[in-house]
Every structure is written in structure tokens, then in C-alpha cells.
Amino acid sequence: MVILMVEMLFLLIALVGVGMWSVPAALVLAGVLGVVAAERAQAQRKGTTS
């Protein structure tokens, strides 16, 4: 659980950093990260872990 929180914090900081540079790039990155998170959750629900 701690690793998940650290991973989320790292991604949030990276997203904020990109947002300070370019807002459209941050929105695209957030969309991609959202898709990755949804795919990851779906894989865990099916019982296959990566």
C-alpha cells in the first residue's frame, strides 16, 4: 500500500511539473495515465497481476 501511495505521489508531482510547462501536454498525459490506471485495475480484477 505504501508503494502505491509513493507511486501516486510521484505521478502527481510529475503531472504538476508538466502542467507548469504546458497545460495541453499535462491534459494529454493525464488522459494516458487514466487509461493505464483503468487497464491496470481491470487486469487486477480479472486476477492477472503485472
C-alpha atoms as a PDB file:
ATOM      1  CA  MET A   1       0.000   0.000   0.000  1.00  0.00           C
ATOM      2  CA  VAL A   2       2.869   2.369   0.781  1.00  0.00           C
ATOM      3  CA  ILE A   3       4.430   1.730  -2.625  1.00  0.00           C
ATOM      4  CA  LEU A   4       1.120   2.586  -4.288  1.00  0.00           C
ATOM      5  CA  MET A   5       0.946   5.881  -2.389  1.00  0.00           C
ATOM      6  CA  VAL A   6       4.540   6.746  -3.320  1.00  0.00           C
ATOM      7  CA  GLU A   7       3.804   5.911  -6.960  1.00  0.00           C
ATOM      8  CA  MET A   8       0.704   8.109  -6.956  1.00  0.00           C
ATOM      9  CA  LEU A   9       2.616  10.984  -5.332  1.00  0.00           C
ATOM     10  CA  PHE A  10       5.409  10.702  -7.909  1.00  0.00           C
ATOM     11  CA  LEU A  11       2.934  10.730 -10.799  1.00  0.00           C
ATOM     12  CA  LEU A  12       1.071  13.701  -9.343  1.00  0.00           C
ATOM     13  CA  ILE A  13       4.286  15.689  -8.944  1.00  0.00           C
ATOM     14  CA  ALA A  14       5.342  14.796 -12.491  1.00  0.00           C
ATOM     15  CA  LEU A  15       1.921  15.820 -13.828  1.00  0.00           C
ATOM     16  CA  VAL A  16       2.072  19.167 -11.997  1.00  0.00           C
ATOM     17  CA  GLY A  17       5.566  19.728 -13.374  1.00  0.00           C
ATOM     18  CA  VAL A  18       4.405  19.086 -16.926  1.00  0.00           C
ATOM     19  CA  GLY A  19       1.375  21.313 -16.268  1.00  0.00           C
ATOM     20  CA  MET A  20       3.648  24.191 -15.321  1.00  0.00           C
ATOM     21  CA  TRP A  21       5.411  23.775 -18.659  1.00  0.00           C
ATOM     22  CA  SER A  22       2.425  23.088 -20.922  1.00  0.00           C
ATOM     23  CA  VAL A  23      -1.215  22.694 -19.886  1.00  0.00           C
ATOM     24  CA  PRO A  24      -2.302  20.795 -23.052  1.00  0.00           C
ATOM     25  CA  ALA A  25       0.574  18.334 -22.598  1.00  0.00           C
ATOM     26  CA  ALA A  26      -0.488  17.820 -18.978  1.00  0.00           C
ATOM     27  CA  LEU A  27      -4.061  17.096 -20.063  1.00  0.00           C
ATOM     28  CA  VAL A  28      -2.877  14.538 -22.619  1.00  0.00           C
ATOM     29  CA  LEU A  29      -0.579  12.943 -20.045  1.00  0.00           C
ATOM     30  CA  ALA A  30      -3.410  12.802 -17.506  1.00  0.00           C
ATOM     31  CA  GLY A  31      -5.612  11.075 -20.080  1.00  0.00           C
ATOM     32  CA  VAL A  32      -2.954   8.493 -20.851  1.00  0.00           C
ATOM     33  CA  LEU A  33      -2.319   7.869 -17.164  1.00  0.00           C
ATOM     34  CA  GLY A  34      -6.068   7.460 -16.632  1.00  0.00           C
ATOM     35  CA  VAL A  35      -6.252   4.802 -19.331  1.00  0.00           C
ATOM     36  CA  VAL A  36      -3.252   2.999 -17.849  1.00  0.00           C
ATOM     37  CA  ALA A  37      -4.845   3.075 -14.388  1.00  0.00           C
ATOM     38  CA  ALA A  38      -8.135   1.718 -15.739  1.00  0.00           C
ATOM     39  CA  GLU A  39      -6.376  -1.093 -17.607  1.00  0.00           C
ATOM     40  CA  ARG A  40      -4.354  -1.935 -14.513  1.00  0.00           C
ATOM     41  CA  ALA A  41      -7.456  -2.084 -12.325  1.00  0.00           C
ATOM     42  CA  GLN A  42      -9.263  -4.215 -14.883  1.00  0.00           C
ATOM     43  CA  ALA A  43      -6.323  -6.652 -15.043  1.00  0.00           C
ATOM     44  CA  GLN A  44      -6.251  -6.947 -11.242  1.00  0.00           C
ATOM     45  CA  ARG A  45      -9.996  -7.558 -11.175  1.00  0.00           C
ATOM     46  CA  LYS A  46      -9.571 -10.429 -13.648  1.00  0.00           C
ATOM     47  CA  GLY A  47      -6.869 -11.939 -11.460  1.00  0.00           C
ATOM     48  CA  THR A  48      -3.852 -11.272 -13.659  1.00  0.00           C
ATOM     49  CA  THR A  49      -1.255  -9.100 -11.983  1.00  0.00           C
ATOM     50  CA  SER A  50       1.687  -7.469 -13.654  1.00  0.00           C
END
